[in-house]
Amino acid sequence: MVVSQVLLWAAVIVQALLIAALARQIGVLHERIAPAGALTLPQSAKVGEAATTMTLTTTSGAQIAIGGKRDGRSQLLFFASPDCPVCKSLLPVVRSAARAEQGWLDIVIAGDGAAPAYAQLARAHGIDDMPMVLSEALGRAFGVSKLPYAVLLDELGKVASTGLVNSREHLESLFVAKEHGVASIQEFLAKRNGEA
């Protein structure tokens, strides 16, 4: 009986040591894996360049300025389509970002399809209060070729970051890239690793 108790305790101690070693390895791997930022695609508007200033009409009939100086506020253009399932899954994330970043960020939903389909999309996902513009020229100005796509314009109307966004992490990477003054998270990590 005593021998079996000693063997069981020895097994428990060995398992605890193995679990601790595995947890340490997971931590090391986590540090090595870089965050995945928004995928940058070749586009006509380059990061750091002033965006083409446009005045467009929203689906509610109001006028909205895209680009240009914005009194200390940045502007995120989120390009989506009612036919895009990934776009639909990201709309709650966009709505959440609008609330969380309302102190410095204005979000505009953009597309180029039929107004009724976009109105239904807005109602279904609770984004009725966000400005929505339907303009093929806007998509062309930023070289949008795949959806969902986002463009972050800084306070001066310059392109701060852009990319194909498929997750919350991708969307937030645009904000982080702007904070660090780089085009993308990948560029930031390359600079950081080059300095180390």
N, C-alpha and C. Protein backbone atom coordinates (compact mmCIF):
# COMPACT_ATOMS: atom_id res chain seq x y z
N MET A 1 0.82 -1.19 0.00
CA MET A 1 0.00 0.00 0.00
C MET A 1 0.87 1.27 0.00
N VAL A 2 1.88 1.30 0.81
CA VAL A 2 2.77 2.46 0.89
C VAL A 2 3.51 2.64 -0.43
N VAL A 3 3.94 1.54 -1.03
CA VAL A 3 4.67 1.59 -2.29
C VAL A 3 3.78 2.16 -3.40
N SER A 4 2.53 1.75 -3.46
CA SER A 4 1.61 2.27 -4.48
C SER A 4 1.36 3.76 -4.29
N GLN A 5 1.27 4.22 -3.04
CA GLN A 5 1.08 5.65 -2.77
C GLN A 5 2.30 6.45 -3.23
N VAL A 6 3.49 5.94 -2.96
CA VAL A 6 4.72 6.60 -3.37
C VAL A 6 4.80 6.66 -4.90
N LEU A 7 4.45 5.58 -5.56
CA LEU A 7 4.47 5.56 -7.03
C LEU A 7 3.44 6.53 -7.63
N LEU A 8 2.26 6.58 -7.03
CA LEU A 8 1.24 7.52 -7.50
C LEU A 8 1.70 8.97 -7.33
N TRP A 9 2.28 9.29 -6.18
CA TRP A 9 2.78 10.65 -5.96
C TRP A 9 3.93 10.98 -6.92
N ALA A 10 4.76 10.01 -7.17
CA ALA A 10 5.86 10.22 -8.13
C ALA A 10 5.30 10.51 -9.52
N ALA A 11 4.25 9.76 -9.90
CA ALA A 11 3.62 9.99 -11.20
C ALA A 11 2.99 11.38 -11.27
N VAL A 12 2.35 11.81 -10.20
CA VAL A 12 1.73 13.14 -10.17
C VAL A 12 2.80 14.22 -10.29
N ILE A 13 3.91 14.07 -9.61
CA ILE A 13 4.98 15.07 -9.67
C ILE A 13 5.58 15.12 -11.08
N VAL A 14 5.78 13.96 -11.70
CA VAL A 14 6.31 13.92 -13.07
C VAL A 14 5.33 14.60 -14.04
N GLN A 15 4.04 14.33 -13.88
CA GLN A 15 3.04 14.97 -14.74
C GLN A 15 3.03 16.49 -14.54
N ALA A 16 3.15 16.94 -13.31
CA ALA A 16 3.18 18.38 -13.03
C ALA A 16 4.39 19.03 -13.70
N LEU A 17 5.54 18.37 -13.64
CA LEU A 17 6.74 18.90 -14.29
C LEU A 17 6.57 18.94 -15.82
N LEU A 18 5.96 17.91 -16.39
CA LEU A 18 5.71 17.89 -17.83
C LEU A 18 4.74 19.00 -18.25
N ILE A 19 3.70 19.21 -17.47
CA ILE A 19 2.73 20.27 -17.78
C ILE A 19 3.40 21.64 -17.71
N ALA A 20 4.25 21.85 -16.70
CA ALA A 20 4.96 23.13 -16.58
C ALA A 20 5.89 23.34 -17.77
N ALA A 21 6.58 22.27 -18.21
CA ALA A 21 7.47 22.38 -19.36
C ALA A 21 6.69 22.69 -20.63
N LEU A 22 5.55 22.04 -20.81
CA LEU A 22 4.72 22.32 -21.98
C LEU A 22 4.17 23.74 -21.96
N ALA A 23 3.75 24.21 -20.79
CA ALA A 23 3.24 25.59 -20.68
C ALA A 23 4.34 26.59 -21.05
N ARG A 24 5.55 26.31 -20.62
CA ARG A 24 6.67 27.19 -20.96
C ARG A 24 6.89 27.20 -22.47
N GLN A 25 6.85 26.04 -23.12
CA GLN A 25 7.04 25.97 -24.56
C GLN A 25 5.94 26.71 -25.32
N ILE A 26 4.72 26.60 -24.82
CA ILE A 26 3.62 27.33 -25.45
C ILE A 26 3.88 28.83 -25.35
N GLY A 27 4.36 29.29 -24.21
CA GLY A 27 4.71 30.71 -24.05
C GLY A 27 5.79 31.14 -25.01
N VAL A 28 6.81 30.32 -25.19
CA VAL A 28 7.90 30.63 -26.12
C VAL A 28 7.37 30.70 -27.55
N LEU A 29 6.53 29.74 -27.93
CA LEU A 29 5.94 29.76 -29.28
C LEU A 29 5.06 30.98 -29.49
N HIS A 30 4.31 31.34 -28.45
CA HIS A 30 3.43 32.51 -28.55
C HIS A 30 4.24 33.77 -28.80
N GLU A 31 5.40 33.90 -28.19
CA GLU A 31 6.24 35.07 -28.41
C GLU A 31 6.83 35.11 -29.82
N ARG A 32 7.08 33.94 -30.38
CA ARG A 32 7.69 33.86 -31.71
C ARG A 32 6.71 34.11 -32.84
N ILE A 33 5.43 33.81 -32.60
CA ILE A 33 4.43 33.96 -33.65
C ILE A 33 3.99 35.42 -33.71
N ALA A 34 4.19 36.04 -34.84
CA ALA A 34 3.81 37.44 -35.01
C ALA A 34 2.31 37.55 -35.22
N PRO A 35 1.71 38.66 -34.78
CA PRO A 35 0.29 38.85 -35.05
C PRO A 35 0.04 39.01 -36.54
N ALA A 36 -1.09 38.53 -36.98
CA ALA A 36 -1.44 38.64 -38.40
C ALA A 36 -2.19 39.94 -38.61
N GLY A 37 -1.62 40.82 -39.39
CA GLY A 37 -2.27 42.09 -39.68
C GLY A 37 -3.11 41.98 -40.94
N ALA A 38 -3.75 43.06 -41.28
CA ALA A 38 -4.55 43.11 -42.50
C ALA A 38 -3.64 42.89 -43.71
N LEU A 39 -4.11 42.10 -44.65
CA LEU A 39 -3.34 41.79 -45.85
C LEU A 39 -3.34 43.00 -46.77
N THR A 40 -2.16 43.53 -47.02
CA THR A 40 -2.08 44.68 -47.92
C THR A 40 -2.02 44.19 -49.35
N LEU A 41 -2.80 44.83 -50.18
CA LEU A 41 -2.87 44.49 -51.60
C LEU A 41 -2.37 45.68 -52.40
N PRO A 42 -1.92 45.45 -53.62
CA PRO A 42 -1.54 46.59 -54.46
C PRO A 42 -2.76 47.49 -54.67
N GLN A 43 -2.62 48.76 -54.32
CA GLN A 43 -3.74 49.68 -54.50
C GLN A 43 -3.24 51.00 -55.05
N SER A 44 -4.16 51.79 -55.56
CA SER A 44 -3.77 53.04 -56.18
C SER A 44 -3.43 54.11 -55.14
N ALA A 45 -4.03 54.06 -53.97
CA ALA A 45 -3.72 55.03 -52.91
C ALA A 45 -2.67 54.43 -51.99
N LYS A 46 -1.49 55.02 -51.95
CA LYS A 46 -0.39 54.50 -51.14
C LYS A 46 -0.43 55.10 -49.74
N VAL A 47 0.07 54.34 -48.78
CA VAL A 47 0.14 54.81 -47.40
C VAL A 47 1.03 56.04 -47.35
N GLY A 48 0.56 57.08 -46.66
CA GLY A 48 1.30 58.33 -46.54
C GLY A 48 0.87 59.38 -47.54
N GLU A 49 0.19 58.97 -48.61
CA GLU A 49 -0.28 59.93 -49.61
C GLU A 49 -1.63 60.50 -49.20
N ALA A 50 -1.89 61.72 -49.62
CA ALA A 50 -3.20 62.33 -49.36
C ALA A 50 -4.25 61.61 -50.19
N ALA A 51 -5.32 61.23 -49.52
CA ALA A 51 -6.42 60.56 -50.23
C ALA A 51 -7.19 61.55 -51.08
N THR A 52 -7.75 61.07 -52.16
CA THR A 52 -8.60 61.91 -53.00
C THR A 52 -9.78 62.38 -52.17
N THR A 53 -9.98 63.67 -52.08
CA THR A 53 -11.10 64.21 -51.31
C THR A 53 -12.36 64.13 -52.14
N MET A 54 -13.41 63.59 -51.53
CA MET A 54 -14.69 63.44 -52.22
C MET A 54 -15.81 63.87 -51.28
N THR A 55 -16.86 64.42 -51.84
CA THR A 55 -18.08 64.66 -51.08
C THR A 55 -19.14 63.77 -51.70
N LEU A 56 -19.65 62.86 -50.87
CA LEU A 56 -20.62 61.87 -51.36
C LEU A 56 -21.92 61.99 -50.59
N THR A 57 -22.96 61.42 -51.14
CA THR A 57 -24.27 61.40 -50.49
C THR A 57 -24.45 60.04 -49.85
N THR A 58 -24.81 60.03 -48.56
CA THR A 58 -25.04 58.78 -47.86
C THR A 58 -26.40 58.20 -48.28
N THR A 59 -26.64 56.97 -47.89
CA THR A 59 -27.92 56.33 -48.22
C THR A 59 -29.09 57.01 -47.53
N SER A 60 -28.80 57.79 -46.47
CA SER A 60 -29.87 58.54 -45.79
C SER A 60 -30.07 59.93 -46.38
N GLY A 61 -29.25 60.29 -47.40
CA GLY A 61 -29.42 61.57 -48.08
C GLY A 61 -28.53 62.69 -47.59
N ALA A 62 -27.71 62.46 -46.57
CA ALA A 62 -26.81 63.50 -46.05
C ALA A 62 -25.52 63.53 -46.88
N GLN A 63 -24.86 64.67 -46.85
CA GLN A 63 -23.56 64.82 -47.51
C GLN A 63 -22.46 64.44 -46.53
N ILE A 64 -21.44 63.74 -47.02
CA ILE A 64 -20.31 63.36 -46.17
C ILE A 64 -19.02 63.56 -46.95
N ALA A 65 -18.03 64.12 -46.26
CA ALA A 65 -16.72 64.35 -46.88
C ALA A 65 -15.83 63.15 -46.60
N ILE A 66 -15.21 62.65 -47.64
CA ILE A 66 -14.25 61.56 -47.51
C ILE A 66 -12.88 62.17 -47.76
N GLY A 67 -11.96 61.96 -46.82
CA GLY A 67 -10.62 62.54 -46.93
C GLY A 67 -10.61 63.99 -46.48
N GLY A 68 -9.47 64.64 -46.68
CA GLY A 68 -9.29 66.02 -46.26
C GLY A 68 -9.06 66.11 -44.74
N LYS A 69 -8.70 67.32 -44.28
CA LYS A 69 -8.46 67.53 -42.85
C LYS A 69 -9.75 67.36 -42.08
N ARG A 70 -9.64 66.75 -40.87
CA ARG A 70 -10.84 66.36 -40.15
C ARG A 70 -10.84 66.78 -38.68
N ASP A 71 -10.27 67.88 -38.31
CA ASP A 71 -10.31 68.38 -36.93
C ASP A 71 -9.90 67.33 -35.91
N GLY A 72 -8.77 66.69 -36.12
CA GLY A 72 -8.24 65.75 -35.14
C GLY A 72 -8.89 64.38 -35.14
N ARG A 73 -9.71 64.08 -36.11
CA ARG A 73 -10.39 62.78 -36.17
C ARG A 73 -9.93 62.01 -37.40
N SER A 74 -9.79 60.71 -37.22
CA SER A 74 -9.46 59.84 -38.34
C SER A 74 -10.76 59.28 -38.92
N GLN A 75 -10.65 58.69 -40.10
CA GLN A 75 -11.84 58.16 -40.78
C GLN A 75 -11.51 56.77 -41.31
N LEU A 76 -12.34 55.80 -40.96
CA LEU A 76 -12.18 54.44 -41.45
C LEU A 76 -13.26 54.18 -42.49
N LEU A 77 -12.83 53.78 -43.67
CA LEU A 77 -13.76 53.38 -44.73
C LEU A 77 -13.78 51.86 -44.75
N PHE A 78 -14.93 51.27 -44.45
CA PHE A 78 -15.07 49.82 -44.44
C PHE A 78 -15.90 49.44 -45.65
N PHE A 79 -15.25 48.79 -46.62
CA PHE A 79 -15.91 48.39 -47.86
C PHE A 79 -16.52 47.01 -47.66
N ALA A 80 -17.83 46.92 -47.88
CA ALA A 80 -18.55 45.66 -47.66
C ALA A 80 -19.61 45.48 -48.75
N SER A 81 -20.16 44.28 -48.77
CA SER A 81 -21.23 43.96 -49.72
C SER A 81 -22.27 43.09 -49.03
N PRO A 82 -23.54 43.27 -49.35
CA PRO A 82 -24.58 42.41 -48.77
C PRO A 82 -24.43 40.94 -49.16
N ASP A 83 -23.70 40.67 -50.24
CA ASP A 83 -23.51 39.30 -50.72
C ASP A 83 -22.26 38.64 -50.14
N CYS A 84 -21.53 39.33 -49.29
CA CYS A 84 -20.26 38.84 -48.76
C CYS A 84 -20.45 38.32 -47.34
N PRO A 85 -20.35 37.00 -47.12
CA PRO A 85 -20.56 36.45 -45.78
C PRO A 85 -19.52 36.93 -44.76
N VAL A 86 -18.27 37.10 -45.19
CA VAL A 86 -17.23 37.58 -44.27
C VAL A 86 -17.52 39.02 -43.87
N CYS A 87 -18.00 39.82 -44.82
CA CYS A 87 -18.37 41.21 -44.51
C CYS A 87 -19.45 41.23 -43.43
N LYS A 88 -20.45 40.39 -43.60
CA LYS A 88 -21.55 40.33 -42.63
C LYS A 88 -21.05 39.92 -41.25
N SER A 89 -20.12 38.97 -41.21
CA SER A 89 -19.61 38.53 -39.92
C SER A 89 -18.76 39.59 -39.24
N LEU A 90 -18.21 40.53 -40.01
CA LEU A 90 -17.37 41.59 -39.44
C LEU A 90 -18.16 42.84 -39.04
N LEU A 91 -19.39 42.97 -39.49
CA LEU A 91 -20.15 44.17 -39.15
C LEU A 91 -20.33 44.36 -37.64
N PRO A 92 -20.57 43.32 -36.84
CA PRO A 92 -20.61 43.54 -35.38
C PRO A 92 -19.27 44.05 -34.84
N VAL A 93 -18.17 43.61 -35.43
CA VAL A 93 -16.84 44.08 -35.02
C VAL A 93 -16.69 45.56 -35.36
N VAL A 94 -17.14 45.94 -36.54
CA VAL A 94 -17.08 47.34 -36.96
C VAL A 94 -17.94 48.20 -36.04
N ARG A 95 -19.14 47.72 -35.72
CA ARG A 95 -20.03 48.45 -34.80
C ARG A 95 -19.36 48.61 -33.43
N SER A 96 -18.72 47.56 -32.94
CA SER A 96 -18.01 47.60 -31.66
C SER A 96 -16.84 48.57 -31.71
N ALA A 97 -16.10 48.55 -32.81
CA ALA A 97 -14.97 49.48 -32.97
C ALA A 97 -15.45 50.93 -33.00
N ALA A 98 -16.60 51.16 -33.63
CA ALA A 98 -17.14 52.52 -33.69
C ALA A 98 -17.42 53.05 -32.29
N ARG A 99 -17.95 52.18 -31.42
CA ARG A 99 -18.22 52.60 -30.04
C ARG A 99 -16.92 52.77 -29.25
N ALA A 100 -16.02 51.79 -29.37
CA ALA A 100 -14.79 51.80 -28.59
C ALA A 100 -13.84 52.92 -29.00
N GLU A 101 -13.83 53.29 -30.25
CA GLU A 101 -12.88 54.30 -30.76
C GLU A 101 -13.56 55.63 -31.11
N GLN A 102 -14.73 55.87 -30.55
CA GLN A 102 -15.50 57.05 -30.93
C GLN A 102 -14.82 58.38 -30.59
N GLY A 103 -13.83 58.35 -29.72
CA GLY A 103 -13.13 59.57 -29.36
C GLY A 103 -12.24 60.12 -30.45
N TRP A 104 -11.83 59.27 -31.40
CA TRP A 104 -10.92 59.73 -32.44
C TRP A 104 -11.26 59.24 -33.84
N LEU A 105 -12.26 58.37 -33.97
CA LEU A 105 -12.51 57.71 -35.25
C LEU A 105 -13.95 57.83 -35.71
N ASP A 106 -14.12 58.14 -37.00
CA ASP A 106 -15.42 58.11 -37.66
C ASP A 106 -15.38 56.96 -38.67
N ILE A 107 -16.42 56.14 -38.66
CA ILE A 107 -16.46 54.98 -39.57
C ILE A 107 -17.54 55.20 -40.62
N VAL A 108 -17.19 54.91 -41.86
CA VAL A 108 -18.11 55.00 -42.98
C VAL A 108 -18.16 53.62 -43.64
N ILE A 109 -19.35 53.09 -43.82
CA ILE A 109 -19.54 51.83 -44.55
C ILE A 109 -19.67 52.20 -46.03
N ALA A 110 -18.92 51.51 -46.87
CA ALA A 110 -18.92 51.84 -48.29
C ALA A 110 -19.20 50.61 -49.14
N GLY A 111 -19.81 50.85 -50.29
CA GLY A 111 -20.11 49.77 -51.22
C GLY A 111 -20.50 50.37 -52.55
N ASP A 112 -20.96 49.52 -53.45
CA ASP A 112 -21.38 50.06 -54.76
C ASP A 112 -22.53 49.27 -55.37
N GLY A 113 -23.36 48.68 -54.54
CA GLY A 113 -24.48 47.89 -55.05
C GLY A 113 -25.80 48.64 -54.98
N ALA A 114 -26.87 47.86 -54.91
CA ALA A 114 -28.22 48.42 -54.87
C ALA A 114 -28.55 48.92 -53.46
N ALA A 115 -29.11 50.11 -53.39
CA ALA A 115 -29.42 50.74 -52.09
C ALA A 115 -30.34 49.89 -51.22
N PRO A 116 -31.39 49.26 -51.74
CA PRO A 116 -32.26 48.45 -50.87
C PRO A 116 -31.52 47.30 -50.18
N ALA A 117 -30.61 46.66 -50.88
CA ALA A 117 -29.85 45.56 -50.28
C ALA A 117 -28.95 46.07 -49.15
N TYR A 118 -28.36 47.24 -49.34
CA TYR A 118 -27.52 47.83 -48.28
C TYR A 118 -28.36 48.30 -47.11
N ALA A 119 -29.55 48.82 -47.37
CA ALA A 119 -30.44 49.23 -46.29
C ALA A 119 -30.85 48.03 -45.44
N GLN A 120 -31.14 46.92 -46.10
CA GLN A 120 -31.49 45.70 -45.37
C GLN A 120 -30.29 45.20 -44.57
N LEU A 121 -29.09 45.28 -45.13
CA LEU A 121 -27.87 44.88 -44.43
C LEU A 121 -27.68 45.74 -43.16
N ALA A 122 -27.91 47.04 -43.30
CA ALA A 122 -27.75 47.95 -42.16
C ALA A 122 -28.74 47.62 -41.05
N ARG A 123 -30.00 47.37 -41.41
CA ARG A 123 -31.02 47.02 -40.41
C ARG A 123 -30.70 45.69 -39.73
N ALA A 124 -30.30 44.71 -40.53
CA ALA A 124 -30.05 43.37 -39.99
C ALA A 124 -28.87 43.34 -39.02
N HIS A 125 -27.92 44.25 -39.21
CA HIS A 125 -26.71 44.22 -38.38
C HIS A 125 -26.58 45.42 -37.44
N GLY A 126 -27.63 46.19 -37.32
CA GLY A 126 -27.65 47.29 -36.36
C GLY A 126 -26.65 48.39 -36.64
N ILE A 127 -26.43 48.69 -37.90
CA ILE A 127 -25.50 49.77 -38.25
C ILE A 127 -26.23 50.92 -38.95
N ASP A 128 -27.54 51.05 -38.66
CA ASP A 128 -28.35 52.11 -39.27
C ASP A 128 -27.79 53.50 -38.96
N ASP A 129 -27.15 53.64 -37.78
CA ASP A 129 -26.67 54.96 -37.36
C ASP A 129 -25.32 55.33 -37.98
N MET A 130 -24.68 54.41 -38.68
CA MET A 130 -23.40 54.70 -39.33
C MET A 130 -23.65 55.23 -40.74
N PRO A 131 -22.86 56.21 -41.16
CA PRO A 131 -23.01 56.68 -42.53
C PRO A 131 -22.62 55.59 -43.52
N MET A 132 -23.42 55.47 -44.57
CA MET A 132 -23.17 54.46 -45.60
C MET A 132 -23.22 55.15 -46.95
N VAL A 133 -22.17 54.92 -47.75
CA VAL A 133 -22.13 55.52 -49.09
C VAL A 133 -22.02 54.42 -50.13
N LEU A 134 -22.69 54.62 -51.24
CA LEU A 134 -22.62 53.68 -52.36
C LEU A 134 -22.00 54.42 -53.53
N SER A 135 -20.72 54.10 -53.79
CA SER A 135 -19.99 54.82 -54.81
C SER A 135 -18.91 53.93 -55.41
N GLU A 136 -19.07 53.62 -56.67
CA GLU A 136 -18.06 52.85 -57.37
C GLU A 136 -16.76 53.64 -57.49
N ALA A 137 -16.87 54.96 -57.64
CA ALA A 137 -15.69 55.82 -57.77
C ALA A 137 -14.84 55.79 -56.49
N LEU A 138 -15.49 55.69 -55.34
CA LEU A 138 -14.75 55.62 -54.08
C LEU A 138 -13.92 54.34 -54.02
N GLY A 139 -14.51 53.22 -54.38
CA GLY A 139 -13.77 51.96 -54.40
C GLY A 139 -12.60 52.00 -55.37
N ARG A 140 -12.82 52.59 -56.54
CA ARG A 140 -11.74 52.71 -57.52
C ARG A 140 -10.63 53.61 -57.02
N ALA A 141 -10.99 54.69 -56.33
CA ALA A 141 -9.99 55.64 -55.83
C ALA A 141 -9.01 54.97 -54.86
N PHE A 142 -9.48 53.97 -54.13
CA PHE A 142 -8.62 53.28 -53.17
C PHE A 142 -8.18 51.90 -53.66
N GLY A 143 -8.49 51.56 -54.89
CA GLY A 143 -8.04 50.31 -55.46
C GLY A 143 -8.62 49.08 -54.79
N VAL A 144 -9.87 49.16 -54.37
CA VAL A 144 -10.52 48.04 -53.69
C VAL A 144 -10.86 46.97 -54.73
N SER A 145 -10.28 45.78 -54.55
CA SER A 145 -10.55 44.70 -55.50
C SER A 145 -11.17 43.49 -54.83
N LYS A 146 -11.02 43.37 -53.51
CA LYS A 146 -11.59 42.24 -52.77
C LYS A 146 -12.23 42.79 -51.50
N LEU A 147 -13.21 42.04 -51.00
CA LEU A 147 -13.92 42.46 -49.79
C LEU A 147 -13.79 41.39 -48.72
N PRO A 148 -13.92 41.78 -47.48
CA PRO A 148 -14.03 43.13 -46.92
C PRO A 148 -12.68 43.84 -46.89
N TYR A 149 -12.70 45.10 -47.20
CA TYR A 149 -11.49 45.90 -47.30
C TYR A 149 -11.68 47.14 -46.45
N ALA A 150 -10.61 47.63 -45.86
CA ALA A 150 -10.71 48.83 -45.03
C ALA A 150 -9.56 49.78 -45.34
N VAL A 151 -9.86 51.06 -45.26
CA VAL A 151 -8.87 52.12 -45.46
C VAL A 151 -8.99 53.06 -44.28
N LEU A 152 -7.88 53.30 -43.59
CA LEU A 152 -7.85 54.22 -42.46
C LEU A 152 -7.16 55.50 -42.91
N LEU A 153 -7.90 56.60 -42.84
CA LEU A 153 -7.35 57.92 -43.18
C LEU A 153 -7.06 58.66 -41.89
N ASP A 154 -5.90 59.32 -41.83
CA ASP A 154 -5.55 60.05 -40.61
C ASP A 154 -6.23 61.41 -40.56
N GLU A 155 -5.89 62.20 -39.55
CA GLU A 155 -6.53 63.49 -39.31
C GLU A 155 -6.28 64.49 -40.44
N LEU A 156 -5.22 64.28 -41.20
CA LEU A 156 -4.89 65.18 -42.30
C LEU A 156 -5.44 64.70 -43.64
N GLY A 157 -6.13 63.58 -43.62
CA GLY A 157 -6.70 63.04 -44.85
C GLY A 157 -5.72 62.17 -45.63
N LYS A 158 -4.62 61.79 -44.98
CA LYS A 158 -3.65 60.91 -45.64
C LYS A 158 -3.99 59.46 -45.33
N VAL A 159 -3.64 58.57 -46.24
CA VAL A 159 -3.87 57.14 -46.03
C VAL A 159 -2.90 56.67 -44.95
N ALA A 160 -3.44 56.22 -43.81
CA ALA A 160 -2.61 55.76 -42.70
C ALA A 160 -2.33 54.27 -42.81
N SER A 161 -3.32 53.48 -43.19
CA SER A 161 -3.14 52.04 -43.38
C SER A 161 -4.33 51.50 -44.16
N THR A 162 -4.10 50.40 -44.85
CA THR A 162 -5.16 49.77 -45.64
C THR A 162 -4.98 48.27 -45.59
N GLY A 163 -6.00 47.56 -45.97
CA GLY A 163 -5.83 46.13 -46.09
C GLY A 163 -7.12 45.36 -46.17
N LEU A 164 -6.97 44.12 -46.58
CA LEU A 164 -8.07 43.16 -46.60
C LEU A 164 -8.27 42.70 -45.16
N VAL A 165 -9.45 42.86 -44.63
CA VAL A 165 -9.71 42.53 -43.22
C VAL A 165 -10.69 41.37 -43.13
N ASN A 166 -10.24 40.28 -42.54
CA ASN A 166 -11.07 39.10 -42.40
C ASN A 166 -11.40 38.78 -40.95
N SER A 167 -10.90 39.58 -40.02
CA SER A 167 -11.13 39.30 -38.60
C SER A 167 -10.97 40.58 -37.79
N ARG A 168 -11.35 40.51 -36.52
CA ARG A 168 -11.17 41.64 -35.60
C ARG A 168 -9.70 42.01 -35.51
N GLU A 169 -8.83 41.00 -35.47
CA GLU A 169 -7.39 41.25 -35.37
C GLU A 169 -6.90 42.05 -36.57
N HIS A 170 -7.38 41.72 -37.76
CA HIS A 170 -6.98 42.46 -38.95
C HIS A 170 -7.43 43.92 -38.87
N LEU A 171 -8.67 44.14 -38.44
CA LEU A 171 -9.18 45.50 -38.34
C LEU A 171 -8.37 46.30 -37.32
N GLU A 172 -8.13 45.71 -36.17
CA GLU A 172 -7.37 46.42 -35.13
C GLU A 172 -5.93 46.65 -35.55
N SER A 173 -5.39 45.80 -36.42
CA SER A 173 -4.01 46.00 -36.88
C SER A 173 -3.88 47.31 -37.66
N LEU A 174 -4.96 47.76 -38.30
CA LEU A 174 -4.91 49.05 -39.00
C LEU A 174 -4.72 50.19 -38.01
N PHE A 175 -5.39 50.09 -36.85
CA PHE A 175 -5.25 51.11 -35.81
C PHE A 175 -3.85 51.11 -35.22
N VAL A 176 -3.32 49.91 -34.98
CA VAL A 176 -1.97 49.78 -34.41
C VAL A 176 -0.93 50.30 -35.40
N ALA A 177 -1.11 49.99 -36.68
CA ALA A 177 -0.18 50.48 -37.70
C ALA A 177 -0.17 52.00 -37.73
N LYS A 178 -1.33 52.63 -37.62
CA LYS A 178 -1.41 54.09 -37.58
C LYS A 178 -0.71 54.65 -36.36
N GLU A 179 -0.93 54.01 -35.20
CA GLU A 179 -0.29 54.44 -33.96
C GLU A 179 1.23 54.47 -34.07
N HIS A 180 1.77 53.46 -34.75
CA HIS A 180 3.22 53.33 -34.85
C HIS A 180 3.79 54.00 -36.10
N GLY A 181 2.94 54.60 -36.90
CA GLY A 181 3.40 55.32 -38.08
C GLY A 181 3.98 54.43 -39.16
N VAL A 182 3.41 53.23 -39.31
CA VAL A 182 3.86 52.30 -40.34
C VAL A 182 2.67 51.93 -41.23
N ALA A 183 2.98 51.35 -42.37
CA ALA A 183 1.92 50.98 -43.31
C ALA A 183 1.15 49.75 -42.86
N SER A 184 1.85 48.84 -42.15
CA SER A 184 1.21 47.60 -41.73
C SER A 184 1.92 47.05 -40.50
N ILE A 185 1.27 46.11 -39.84
CA ILE A 185 1.88 45.44 -38.69
C ILE A 185 3.14 44.71 -39.13
N GLN A 186 3.11 44.13 -40.32
CA GLN A 186 4.27 43.41 -40.82
C GLN A 186 5.48 44.35 -40.94
N GLU A 187 5.25 45.57 -41.41
CA GLU A 187 6.34 46.55 -41.51
C GLU A 187 6.86 46.91 -40.12
N PHE A 188 5.96 47.08 -39.15
CA PHE A 188 6.36 47.38 -37.78
C PHE A 188 7.22 46.27 -37.20
N LEU A 189 6.81 45.01 -37.40
CA LEU A 189 7.57 43.87 -36.87
C LEU A 189 8.91 43.76 -37.56
N ALA A 190 8.97 44.03 -38.85
CA ALA A 190 10.23 43.99 -39.57
C ALA A 190 11.19 45.04 -39.03
N LYS A 191 10.68 46.25 -38.76
CA LYS A 191 11.53 47.31 -38.20
C LYS A 191 12.00 46.94 -36.80
N ARG A 192 11.08 46.40 -35.99
CA ARG A 192 11.43 46.02 -34.62
C ARG A 192 12.46 44.91 -34.60
N ASN A 193 12.29 43.92 -35.46
CA ASN A 193 13.24 42.80 -35.51
C ASN A 193 14.58 43.25 -36.09
N GLY A 194 14.55 44.24 -36.96
CA GLY A 194 15.80 44.77 -37.52
C GLY A 194 16.60 45.54 -36.49
N GLU A 195 15.91 46.17 -35.54
CA GLU A 195 16.60 46.92 -34.48
C GLU A 195 17.15 46.00 -33.42
N ALA A 196 16.51 44.84 -33.23
CA ALA A 196 16.92 43.92 -32.16
C ALA A 196 18.21 43.20 -32.48
